[in-house]
Each structure stands twice: as C-alpha cells, then as structure tokens.
C-alpha cells in the first residue's frame, strides 16, 4: 500500500461498514443486512479497524440499471470528502464481498474514485486487507466485477427458463395471489371473481375503468396487497389472460406448438376467451396486461411523460423501519383530496410517509432562497428570474438537481393541520460548503 491509513488515537483505523441485499420479500425485516453488518464488525476487529459509520441498502439490486441505492450513494459521497456529515473521518471501507458494493462497471468506477481520493485508504473484507491503489488490487476488483456480471447473467437465464417451463405446464403465476382467486391460485374467490366478471361485462357495455374502480372503492374492496383500486389496476385485472384461463409469459401468450392454440392454465377461469378478447378490444394496446404486466415489454418505454411537479424525483422517505433503518424510498406524486393539496407526494415503498405537494414545492424554494439575512446559496439574479416566472418547470428542476442530491421528508404529525416546512431536510451536493445553520427559514 502506498501509505499507511491514518489511525485514531486508540490505534484503530476508522472505517465505514456497508451491507446490501437484493431481496427481502419473505420476512421483510432487514435481517440480511443486519447479518452482514455483524460480519463486518468481526472483520474490522480482526484487522485493527473500528467502524464509525453504517451504510446499507435493503432489498435493492446492484445489477439492474436505474435502481437507486441511497446507502451506496451516501457512502461514495462521504468517502469522496473524507468524512461523514457529522465530521467523523473515514479511512476505509469494510464489506462482506465485492458484489455487495458493485455489480456494474459504473458503480466500481464511482467506488474506486471515491475511495482513492485520499492516499492510504483501506478496503477490507473477510479475506483480508485489499490495496486498491496497486495494479494487482485493481485487477482483483475487475475480476470480481466480471465474475459478478457472469453470475448475474447465469442466474437471470436460469430464472427465465424456470418461469417459462412453469408457464408451458400451465402452472399458476408465482408471486402475490392474483385478484379473483384463492391462495392456491387455482380455486376462484367467490366475491372477487364475481366483481371481475361484472366489471368485464360492464366494460364491454361501455363503462369506464375509472367508474369501475370507484364502485369497488365504495364497496371497500382492496387489492391482494392491501391497495385501493384505481383505473390502472382494474384494467390490468380485466385484461390479464388468466381471467379466461390462458397462460402468458413475459408479455406473450404461450401457444401449443402442435395446434397453435393458447396454453391453458390449471386454474378455474372467470370468463370465456371471447369475453376476454372483447374487453381487451375496448382498451388501447399500451394499457393491456400483455403490454404492462410483469416482464412485458413497454410500448411507451421511450416516451416517458415529463414530470409535472417541481419536487418529483427529489424527495425520499424519512420514515423509520422497525429495525431503526430509514426507508429512503422515492416519494411519487399522486392526486390529492383537497383544494389546498391538489396533489401529494407519497412513498410507494413503505406507504407510511406523504406530504402535501404545494408544501413540498414551497419548502424546496425556501431551501434554495432562504429568507434569513446572510444566507445566500444562489445569485440574486437567479432568485428574481425564479420569482418572476421567467424560468419554466424544466429549468427550475435543473437548478434543484444542481444544488440537492435529494431531500429527506420526515413523517408528519397526525392531526396537525399547519404546514411544517422543516419536514423537508436537504442533502446538499456541496454539503461541506453549507453552514449547519442553513435550515429552512
């Protein structure tokens, strides 16, 4: 190693501990990351290190493009500046394995750039201390990346083949119970199946999917995962091939090679194939289950709608899980129920945090342009153009993206009707240049 890592007065090297799991669908208690963090503690002790900061991403893939990993992002940010938000110096990282940190070349590049910003940093795993400054250490990191990528491809292919074989045999879909069937996914659920049949008949007769969703809400109907029905979910339920007994896989109906007829599933159908085809004909192709369901190719994939609200994409959930970790799921805009809040930002991950849309947007503006004297983050000319309406939504969002990494939204107090702008806490891109007093005015 080119230089020895700087030690604390205790003689121990301060390091950050990182843990990640790809899935937590069974117990949903974060036990995977907790176990990894415990192993990291043991590894740190064995190599003369002390853990000063914990970072984790529970149930987040590192191999899929577009998946955000807040814990990894914070780790990279703190490594690059050399200390945590509270000023604790970091001289290395401990992790259970390379593939917990990175499975994509861009993530490896980010991690290496951040770790080697200062000389003498350590990277420690159960196999020992790694020198990522040397050519040998870099080659080991690249080999680990290649191995992780190969493993991802093999696992993905095996999983696809497994799903395809089940589909050809007519085995019901895995995953959550489909609406309309019992837990065995074969026997019809009397009440839900009746609702689906009535909805399909009504839709063929000209009724809007939104109206069907309202009727279901009035009856107190909830989805199999507890959500309230809306037009999109009702459309997906009605147009899924399973309602007439057909089996599909990755957005395509499976056909018998001998006859060319659709593969029939092992479950009880709700309607006839003719009724299913009739109800599908009432929707545009982009709305059908075969174009929007699990694994289906998206017809609108290259035509994503532009954000309509100022804070869309910048807000993260600040609710705490039972194990003490912060959710940090994305808050998405959806329709509100009052004139004061015509839209709200809600967390789709834990569903325990939401905030008024206008309140969040106003809080962002207050963060950008503080009202207190002496607190100026952006030029006065920018403030004037912002307030005058000369800047459009897209230009305003670019300014926000240049200033904030994201904003954490704390949960509100039940029954509190006054607006609390301090619920929105910024994560600055240049945090080391912002005074701690830079709170919302």
Protein backbone atom coordinates (compact mmCIF):
# COMPACT_ATOMS: atom_id res chain seq x y z
CA UNK A 1 0.00 0.00 0.00
CA UNK A 2 1.38 3.44 -0.87
CA UNK A 3 0.86 4.90 2.62
CA UNK A 4 -0.47 3.59 5.88
CA UNK A 5 -4.02 4.55 6.73
CA UNK A 6 -4.32 7.21 9.41
CA UNK A 7 -5.25 5.70 12.75
CA UNK A 8 -7.38 7.06 15.54
CA UNK A 9 -5.75 7.88 18.92
CA UNK A 10 -6.99 4.46 20.02
CA UNK A 11 -4.70 2.86 17.43
CA UNK A 12 -7.65 1.64 15.35
CA UNK A 13 -8.38 2.69 11.76
CA UNK A 14 -11.84 4.30 11.31
CA UNK A 15 -13.77 2.60 8.51
CA UNK A 16 -17.29 2.61 7.07
CA UNK A 17 -19.37 -0.58 7.04
CA UNK A 18 -21.58 -1.33 4.02
CA UNK A 19 -24.21 -4.06 3.57
CA UNK A 20 -26.70 -4.84 0.79
CA UNK A 21 -29.29 -7.48 -0.06
CA UNK A 22 -31.04 -7.88 -3.40
CA UNK A 23 -34.34 -9.12 -1.96
CA UNK A 24 -36.19 -9.06 1.35
CA UNK A 25 -39.55 -10.35 0.19
CA UNK A 26 -40.19 -13.08 2.76
CA UNK A 27 -39.53 -11.72 6.24
CA UNK A 28 -39.23 -8.03 5.26
CA UNK A 29 -37.28 -7.33 8.45
CA UNK A 30 -33.85 -6.43 7.12
CA UNK A 31 -32.21 -9.48 8.70
CA UNK A 32 -29.88 -9.90 5.70
CA UNK A 33 -28.21 -6.51 6.03
CA UNK A 34 -28.06 -6.86 9.82
CA UNK A 35 -26.17 -10.15 9.48
CA UNK A 36 -23.73 -8.59 7.02
CA UNK A 37 -23.12 -5.64 9.34
CA UNK A 38 -22.34 -8.06 12.19
CA UNK A 39 -19.83 -9.88 9.97
CA UNK A 40 -18.31 -6.51 9.08
CA UNK A 41 -17.84 -5.75 12.79
CA UNK A 42 -15.96 -9.01 13.29
CA UNK A 43 -13.83 -8.42 10.17
CA UNK A 44 -12.98 -4.88 11.29
CA UNK A 45 -11.83 -6.08 14.73
CA UNK A 46 -9.65 -8.79 13.17
CA UNK A 47 -7.79 -6.22 11.04
CA UNK A 48 -7.30 -3.41 13.54
CA UNK A 49 -10.22 -1.25 12.39
CA UNK A 50 -13.16 0.37 14.12
CA UNK A 51 -16.49 1.04 12.40
CA UNK A 52 -17.55 4.68 12.62
CA UNK A 53 -20.43 4.74 10.10
CA UNK A 54 -23.02 2.26 8.81
CA UNK A 55 -24.46 2.23 5.29
CA UNK A 56 -26.97 -0.27 3.96
CA UNK A 57 -29.38 -0.92 1.08
CA UNK A 58 -32.04 -3.49 1.89
CA UNK A 59 -33.83 -5.24 -0.95
CA UNK A 60 -32.03 -3.30 -3.72
CA UNK A 61 -30.38 -4.84 -6.75
CA UNK A 62 -26.91 -3.71 -7.80
CA UNK A 63 -27.07 -5.31 -11.24
CA UNK A 64 -30.19 -3.62 -12.66
CA UNK A 65 -29.86 -0.27 -14.41
CA UNK A 66 -31.85 2.58 -12.92
CA UNK A 67 -32.09 1.14 -9.38
CA UNK A 68 -31.16 3.76 -6.79
CA UNK A 69 -29.09 2.72 -3.78
CA UNK A 70 -29.25 5.56 -1.25
CA UNK A 71 -26.84 3.85 1.15
CA UNK A 72 -24.21 3.33 -1.54
CA UNK A 73 -24.68 6.90 -2.78
CA UNK A 74 -24.10 8.29 0.73
CA UNK A 75 -21.07 6.04 1.19
CA UNK A 76 -19.49 7.30 -2.04
CA UNK A 77 -20.24 10.92 -1.11
CA UNK A 78 -18.72 10.59 2.38
CA UNK A 79 -15.66 8.73 1.07
CA UNK A 80 -15.01 11.42 -1.53
CA UNK A 81 -14.97 14.19 1.06
CA UNK A 82 -13.21 12.06 3.68
CA UNK A 83 -15.72 12.29 6.49
CA UNK A 84 -19.36 11.77 7.42
CA UNK A 85 -21.94 14.53 7.77
CA UNK A 86 -21.06 14.87 11.47
CA UNK A 87 -17.35 15.22 10.73
CA UNK A 88 -16.20 11.68 11.55
CA UNK A 89 -13.13 10.82 9.49
CA UNK A 90 -13.32 7.69 7.25
CA UNK A 91 -10.11 5.93 6.23
CA UNK A 92 -11.54 2.84 4.61
CA UNK A 93 -14.46 0.51 3.94
CA UNK A 94 -15.33 -2.96 5.21
CA UNK A 95 -17.75 -5.19 3.35
CA UNK A 96 -18.59 -8.91 3.21
CA UNK A 97 -17.89 -9.23 -0.54
CA UNK A 98 -17.20 -7.13 -3.65
CA UNK A 99 -20.57 -7.90 -5.21
CA UNK A 100 -22.32 -6.29 -2.25
CA UNK A 101 -20.74 -2.98 -3.28
CA UNK A 102 -20.80 -3.20 -7.07
CA UNK A 103 -22.04 -5.37 -9.92
CA UNK A 104 -21.86 -2.74 -12.65
CA UNK A 105 -18.73 -1.05 -14.10
CA UNK A 106 -20.03 2.45 -13.35
CA UNK A 107 -20.50 1.61 -9.66
CA UNK A 108 -16.97 0.17 -9.45
CA UNK A 109 -15.61 3.34 -11.05
CA UNK A 110 -17.51 5.54 -8.58
CA UNK A 111 -16.36 3.50 -5.60
CA UNK A 112 -12.70 3.44 -6.66
CA UNK A 113 -12.67 7.17 -7.41
CA UNK A 114 -14.17 7.99 -4.00
CA UNK A 115 -12.01 5.55 -2.02
CA UNK A 116 -8.73 6.68 -3.59
CA UNK A 117 -9.47 10.41 -3.32
CA UNK A 118 -7.08 10.42 -0.35
CA UNK A 119 -3.96 8.22 -0.01
CA UNK A 120 -3.69 5.24 2.29
CA UNK A 121 -7.36 4.16 2.36
CA UNK A 122 -8.23 0.54 3.24
CA UNK A 123 -10.71 -1.86 1.71
CA UNK A 124 -11.29 -4.84 4.00
CA UNK A 125 -13.32 -8.00 3.50
CA UNK A 126 -13.28 -11.39 5.29
CA UNK A 127 -10.36 -12.44 3.06
CA UNK A 128 -8.17 -9.63 4.34
CA UNK A 129 -6.98 -6.11 3.51
CA UNK A 130 -7.03 -5.11 -0.16
CA UNK A 131 -4.81 -2.45 -1.76
CA UNK A 132 -6.93 -0.78 -4.45
CA UNK A 133 -4.13 1.67 -5.24
CA UNK A 134 -1.95 -1.06 -6.75
CA UNK A 135 -2.29 -2.66 -10.17
CA UNK A 136 -2.84 -6.05 -8.58
CA UNK A 137 -5.63 -4.70 -6.39
CA UNK A 138 -7.34 -3.09 -9.39
CA UNK A 139 -7.09 -6.33 -11.37
CA UNK A 140 -8.70 -8.25 -8.50
CA UNK A 141 -11.54 -5.70 -8.40
CA UNK A 142 -12.11 -6.01 -12.17
CA UNK A 143 -12.05 -9.82 -11.97
CA UNK A 144 -14.63 -9.67 -9.20
CA UNK A 145 -16.77 -7.43 -11.40
CA UNK A 146 -16.54 -9.88 -14.31
CA UNK A 147 -17.45 -12.79 -12.03
CA UNK A 148 -20.43 -10.91 -10.62
CA UNK A 149 -21.65 -9.98 -14.13
CA UNK A 150 -21.33 -13.61 -15.30
CA UNK A 151 -23.18 -14.85 -12.23
CA UNK A 152 -25.96 -12.32 -12.86
CA UNK A 153 -26.37 -13.47 -16.47
CA UNK A 154 -26.47 -17.15 -15.48
CA UNK A 155 -28.97 -16.58 -12.67
CA UNK A 156 -31.16 -14.42 -14.89
CA UNK A 157 -31.21 -17.08 -17.62
CA UNK A 158 -32.00 -19.86 -15.16
CA UNK A 159 -34.82 -17.84 -13.64
CA UNK A 160 -36.29 -17.04 -17.07
CA UNK A 161 -36.12 -20.71 -18.08
CA UNK A 162 -37.78 -21.73 -14.81
CA UNK A 163 -40.68 -19.31 -15.33
CA UNK A 164 -41.05 -20.39 -18.97
CA UNK A 165 -41.17 -24.11 -18.04
CA UNK A 166 -43.84 -23.43 -15.39
CA UNK A 167 -45.84 -21.40 -17.89
CA UNK A 168 -45.73 -24.14 -20.56
CA UNK A 169 -47.06 -26.61 -17.97
CA UNK A 170 -49.92 -24.24 -17.16
CA UNK A 171 -48.74 -23.71 -13.58
CA UNK A 172 -50.20 -20.55 -11.99
CA UNK A 173 -48.06 -17.43 -11.76
CA UNK A 174 -45.73 -17.12 -8.79
CA UNK A 175 -45.76 -14.04 -6.61
CA UNK A 176 -48.71 -12.45 -4.78
CA UNK A 177 -52.13 -14.04 -5.05
CA UNK A 178 -53.96 -12.72 -8.14
CA UNK A 179 -57.21 -10.88 -7.50
CA UNK A 180 -60.12 -13.24 -8.11
CA UNK A 181 -58.52 -16.47 -6.86
CA UNK A 182 -57.87 -18.14 -3.52
CA UNK A 183 -54.39 -18.56 -2.03
CA UNK A 184 -53.92 -21.78 -4.03
CA UNK A 185 -54.19 -19.61 -7.19
CA UNK A 186 -56.46 -22.28 -8.72
CA UNK A 187 -59.81 -22.02 -6.93
CA UNK A 188 -61.92 -18.93 -7.58
CA UNK A 189 -62.53 -16.44 -4.78
CA UNK A 190 -66.36 -16.17 -4.84
CA UNK A 191 -66.68 -12.44 -4.12
CA UNK A 192 -63.66 -11.22 -6.08
CA UNK A 193 -64.37 -13.42 -9.10
CA UNK A 194 -67.93 -12.09 -9.22
CA UNK A 195 -66.62 -8.50 -9.15
CA UNK A 196 -64.20 -9.20 -12.00
CA UNK A 197 -66.92 -10.85 -14.10
CA UNK A 198 -69.30 -7.93 -13.52
CA UNK A 199 -66.56 -5.42 -14.32
CA UNK A 200 -65.70 -7.13 -17.63
CA UNK A 201 -69.37 -7.23 -18.62
CA UNK A 202 -69.81 -3.56 -17.67
CA UNK A 203 -66.68 -2.53 -19.56
CA UNK A 204 -67.79 -4.32 -22.72
CA UNK A 205 -71.04 -2.42 -22.31
CA UNK A 206 -69.20 0.91 -22.31
CA UNK A 207 -68.46 1.61 -18.64
CA UNK A 208 -65.20 3.43 -17.85
CA UNK A 209 -62.48 1.66 -15.88
CA UNK A 210 -62.33 4.66 -13.56
CA UNK A 211 -66.02 4.22 -12.75
CA UNK A 212 -65.47 0.53 -12.02
CA UNK A 213 -62.61 1.45 -9.68
CA UNK A 214 -64.84 3.96 -7.86
CA UNK A 215 -67.53 1.32 -7.42
CA UNK A 216 -65.00 -1.08 -5.93
CA UNK A 217 -63.71 1.61 -3.57
CA UNK A 218 -67.26 2.37 -2.42
CA UNK A 219 -67.68 -1.33 -1.63
CA UNK A 220 -64.49 -1.30 0.44
CA UNK A 221 -62.63 -3.60 -1.95
CA UNK A 222 -58.84 -3.73 -1.62
CA UNK A 223 -56.21 -5.46 -3.73
CA UNK A 224 -54.42 -8.61 -2.63
CA UNK A 225 -51.63 -6.43 -1.24
CA UNK A 226 -53.98 -4.00 0.51
CA UNK A 227 -54.02 -1.19 -2.06
CA UNK A 228 -57.08 0.77 -3.16
CA UNK A 229 -58.37 0.01 -6.66
CA UNK A 230 -57.71 2.56 -9.40
CA UNK A 231 -58.33 2.64 -13.14
CA UNK A 232 -54.95 1.13 -13.99
CA UNK A 233 -55.16 -1.80 -11.58
CA UNK A 234 -58.73 -2.56 -12.64
CA UNK A 235 -57.63 -2.52 -16.30
CA UNK A 236 -54.78 -4.92 -15.54
CA UNK A 237 -57.13 -7.30 -13.71
CA UNK A 238 -59.70 -7.31 -16.52
CA UNK A 239 -57.22 -7.71 -19.39
CA UNK A 240 -54.96 -10.35 -17.79
CA UNK A 241 -55.11 -13.58 -19.89
CA UNK A 242 -55.58 -15.58 -16.69
CA UNK A 243 -59.21 -14.40 -16.41
CA UNK A 244 -60.13 -16.71 -19.31
CA UNK A 245 -57.65 -19.46 -18.39
CA UNK A 246 -54.85 -18.55 -20.85
CA UNK A 247 -51.20 -18.69 -19.77
CA UNK A 248 -48.77 -15.94 -20.73
CA UNK A 249 -45.06 -15.41 -20.18
CA UNK A 250 -43.14 -12.13 -20.46
CA UNK A 251 -45.92 -10.33 -22.29
CA UNK A 252 -46.75 -13.09 -24.80
CA UNK A 253 -49.48 -15.71 -24.93
CA UNK A 254 -47.97 -19.18 -24.96
CA UNK A 255 -49.17 -21.39 -27.82
CA UNK A 256 -49.10 -25.16 -28.16
CA UNK A 257 -46.66 -25.98 -30.99
CA UNK A 258 -48.84 -28.88 -32.18
CA UNK A 259 -52.10 -26.94 -32.58
CA UNK A 260 -51.19 -23.27 -32.27
CA UNK A 261 -53.86 -22.90 -29.59
CA UNK A 262 -53.16 -20.96 -26.36
CA UNK A 263 -51.78 -22.90 -23.41
CA UNK A 264 -54.49 -23.37 -20.79
CA UNK A 265 -53.66 -22.85 -17.13
CA UNK A 266 -54.52 -25.24 -14.33
CA UNK A 267 -56.82 -22.72 -12.62
CA UNK A 268 -60.55 -22.04 -12.88
CA UNK A 269 -61.33 -19.26 -15.42
CA UNK A 270 -63.63 -16.34 -14.61
CA UNK A 271 -64.88 -15.52 -18.15
CA UNK A 272 -64.72 -17.10 -21.59
CA UNK A 273 -61.93 -16.37 -24.09
CA UNK A 274 -64.43 -14.48 -26.26
CA UNK A 275 -65.31 -12.16 -23.34
CA UNK A 276 -61.62 -11.58 -22.58
CA UNK A 277 -60.90 -10.67 -26.21
CA UNK A 278 -63.92 -8.36 -26.22
CA UNK A 279 -62.84 -6.47 -23.12
CA UNK A 280 -59.24 -6.17 -24.39
CA UNK A 281 -60.59 -4.60 -27.59
CA UNK A 282 -62.02 -1.71 -25.54
CA UNK A 283 -58.55 -0.57 -24.43
CA UNK A 284 -55.58 0.86 -26.28
CA UNK A 285 -52.65 -1.58 -26.66
CA UNK A 286 -50.45 0.29 -24.18
CA UNK A 287 -52.97 -0.32 -21.39
CA UNK A 288 -53.31 -4.09 -21.76
CA UNK A 289 -51.84 -6.52 -19.26
CA UNK A 290 -49.74 -8.08 -22.02
CA UNK A 291 -48.04 -4.70 -22.50
CA UNK A 292 -47.86 -3.60 -18.87
CA UNK A 293 -47.78 -6.77 -16.77
CA UNK A 294 -44.77 -8.39 -15.15
CA UNK A 295 -41.94 -8.89 -17.65
CA UNK A 296 -43.94 -7.42 -20.55
CA UNK A 297 -42.19 -5.05 -22.99
CA UNK A 298 -43.35 -1.46 -22.51
CA UNK A 299 -44.79 0.18 -25.60
CA UNK A 300 -44.25 3.60 -24.02
CA UNK A 301 -40.74 2.87 -22.74
CA UNK A 302 -39.16 5.60 -24.91
CA UNK A 303 -41.99 8.06 -24.37
CA UNK A 304 -41.91 8.61 -20.64
CA UNK A 305 -44.02 11.58 -19.55
CA UNK A 306 -42.14 14.58 -18.24
CA UNK A 307 -42.52 15.43 -14.53
CA UNK A 308 -45.43 17.77 -13.87
CA UNK A 309 -44.42 18.93 -10.39
CA UNK A 310 -41.37 20.72 -9.04
CA UNK A 311 -40.23 18.19 -6.42
CA UNK A 312 -40.91 15.00 -8.41
CA UNK A 313 -37.90 12.68 -8.19
CA UNK A 314 -36.09 14.68 -5.49
CA UNK A 315 -37.95 13.52 -2.37
CA UNK A 316 -37.02 10.48 -0.28
CA UNK A 317 -38.98 8.90 2.57
CA UNK A 318 -37.67 9.62 6.07
CA UNK A 319 -39.88 7.08 7.88
CA UNK A 320 -38.08 4.57 10.07
CA UNK A 321 -38.49 0.80 9.81
CA UNK A 322 -38.93 -1.28 12.99
CA UNK A 323 -35.20 -2.11 12.90
CA UNK A 324 -34.32 1.58 13.03
CA UNK A 325 -33.20 1.96 9.41
CA UNK A 326 -34.63 4.80 7.32
CA UNK A 327 -36.84 3.83 4.36
CA UNK A 328 -35.47 6.38 1.84
CA UNK A 329 -37.92 5.19 -0.81
CA UNK A 330 -38.88 7.64 -3.55
CA UNK A 331 -41.92 9.84 -2.93
CA UNK A 332 -44.14 9.90 -6.02
CA UNK A 333 -46.74 12.49 -6.95
CA UNK A 334 -50.37 11.45 -6.98
CA UNK A 335 -53.77 13.13 -6.90
CA UNK A 336 -54.75 14.77 -3.60
CA UNK A 337 -58.13 15.09 -1.95
CA UNK A 338 -58.33 18.78 -1.06
CA UNK A 339 -58.13 22.17 -2.74
CA UNK A 340 -55.19 23.09 -0.54
CA UNK A 341 -53.30 19.96 -1.63
CA UNK A 342 -54.49 19.03 -5.14
CA UNK A 343 -51.53 16.65 -5.34
CA UNK A 344 -49.38 14.90 -2.73
CA UNK A 345 -46.04 13.10 -2.68
CA UNK A 346 -46.32 9.62 -1.14
CA UNK A 347 -43.86 6.79 -0.51
CA UNK A 348 -44.69 3.66 -2.50
CA UNK A 349 -42.18 1.53 -0.61
CA UNK A 350 -43.39 1.68 3.00
CA UNK A 351 -46.59 3.73 2.39
CA UNK A 352 -46.07 5.46 5.74
CA UNK A 353 -44.94 8.89 4.64
CA UNK A 354 -46.62 11.53 2.50
CA UNK A 355 -46.56 15.30 2.23
CA UNK A 356 -48.68 17.96 0.56
CA UNK A 357 -47.38 18.69 -2.93
CA UNK A 358 -47.58 22.50 -2.70
CA UNK A 359 -45.97 22.34 0.78
CA UNK A 360 -43.01 20.29 -0.50
CA UNK A 361 -42.54 22.52 -3.56
CA UNK A 362 -42.65 25.63 -1.37
CA UNK A 363 -40.15 24.06 1.04
CA UNK A 364 -37.73 23.45 -1.83
CA UNK A 365 -37.96 27.09 -2.87
CA UNK A 366 -37.30 28.20 0.71
CA UNK A 367 -34.23 25.98 0.81
CA UNK A 368 -32.92 27.43 -2.46
CA UNK A 369 -33.66 31.04 -1.50
CA UNK A 370 -33.57 31.39 2.34
CA UNK A 371 -35.46 34.29 3.83
CA UNK A 372 -32.97 34.85 6.66
CA UNK A 373 -30.39 37.56 6.13
CA UNK A 374 -26.87 36.43 5.35
CA UNK A 375 -27.96 33.07 3.92
CA UNK A 376 -27.49 33.17 0.15
CA UNK A 377 -26.92 29.95 -1.76
CA UNK A 378 -27.71 31.20 -5.28
CA UNK A 379 -27.25 34.56 -7.07
CA UNK A 380 -29.88 37.25 -6.51
CA UNK A 381 -30.48 37.44 -10.27
CA UNK A 382 -31.49 33.77 -10.22
CA UNK A 383 -33.93 34.44 -7.38
CA UNK A 384 -35.53 37.29 -9.31
CA UNK A 385 -35.91 35.28 -12.52
CA UNK A 386 -37.33 32.35 -10.49
CA UNK A 387 -39.90 34.54 -8.72
CA UNK A 388 -40.84 36.44 -11.88
CA UNK A 389 -41.90 33.27 -13.67
CA UNK A 390 -39.29 33.57 -16.43
CA UNK A 391 -37.94 30.10 -15.69
CA UNK A 392 -40.04 27.12 -16.74
CA UNK A 393 -40.53 23.95 -14.73
CA UNK A 394 -37.79 22.04 -16.53
CA UNK A 395 -35.24 24.81 -15.97
CA UNK A 396 -36.19 25.08 -12.29
CA UNK A 397 -35.75 21.33 -11.84
CA UNK A 398 -32.26 21.53 -13.36
CA UNK A 399 -31.33 24.17 -10.79
CA UNK A 400 -32.64 21.96 -7.97
CA UNK A 401 -30.68 18.98 -9.31
CA UNK A 402 -27.50 21.06 -9.33
CA UNK A 403 -27.95 22.02 -5.67
CA UNK A 404 -29.52 18.97 -3.97
CA UNK A 405 -28.70 15.29 -4.15
CA UNK A 406 -32.19 14.70 -2.72
CA UNK A 407 -34.39 15.86 0.15
CA UNK A 408 -35.48 13.65 3.06
CA UNK A 409 -39.13 14.08 4.13
CA UNK A 410 -39.87 13.35 7.78
CA UNK A 411 -43.24 11.87 8.68
CA UNK A 412 -45.89 14.39 9.66
CA UNK A 413 -47.76 14.54 12.95
CA UNK A 414 -51.25 13.04 12.76
CA UNK A 415 -53.92 15.67 13.30
CA UNK A 416 -51.52 18.57 12.72
CA UNK A 417 -53.04 20.79 10.02
CA UNK A 418 -50.46 23.60 9.93
CA UNK A 419 -47.70 23.40 7.32
CA UNK A 420 -44.28 22.49 8.68
CA UNK A 421 -41.63 23.32 6.08
CA UNK A 422 -38.88 21.84 8.26
CA UNK A 423 -40.14 18.34 7.42
CA UNK A 424 -38.13 18.65 4.18
CA UNK A 425 -34.44 18.18 5.03
CA UNK A 426 -31.93 18.77 2.21
CA UNK A 427 -28.99 16.60 1.20
CA UNK A 428 -26.73 19.17 -0.44
CA UNK A 429 -24.43 18.32 -3.32
CA UNK A 430 -21.87 20.63 -1.79
CA UNK A 431 -22.65 19.93 1.89
CA UNK A 432 -19.13 20.85 3.03
CA UNK A 433 -19.77 24.43 1.82
CA UNK A 434 -23.14 24.89 3.57
CA UNK A 435 -23.20 26.08 7.13
CA UNK A 436 -25.14 23.95 9.64
CA UNK A 437 -27.41 26.92 10.22
CA UNK A 438 -28.70 26.64 6.68
CA UNK A 439 -32.07 25.24 7.74
CA UNK A 440 -35.36 26.23 6.20
CA UNK A 441 -36.24 29.76 7.13
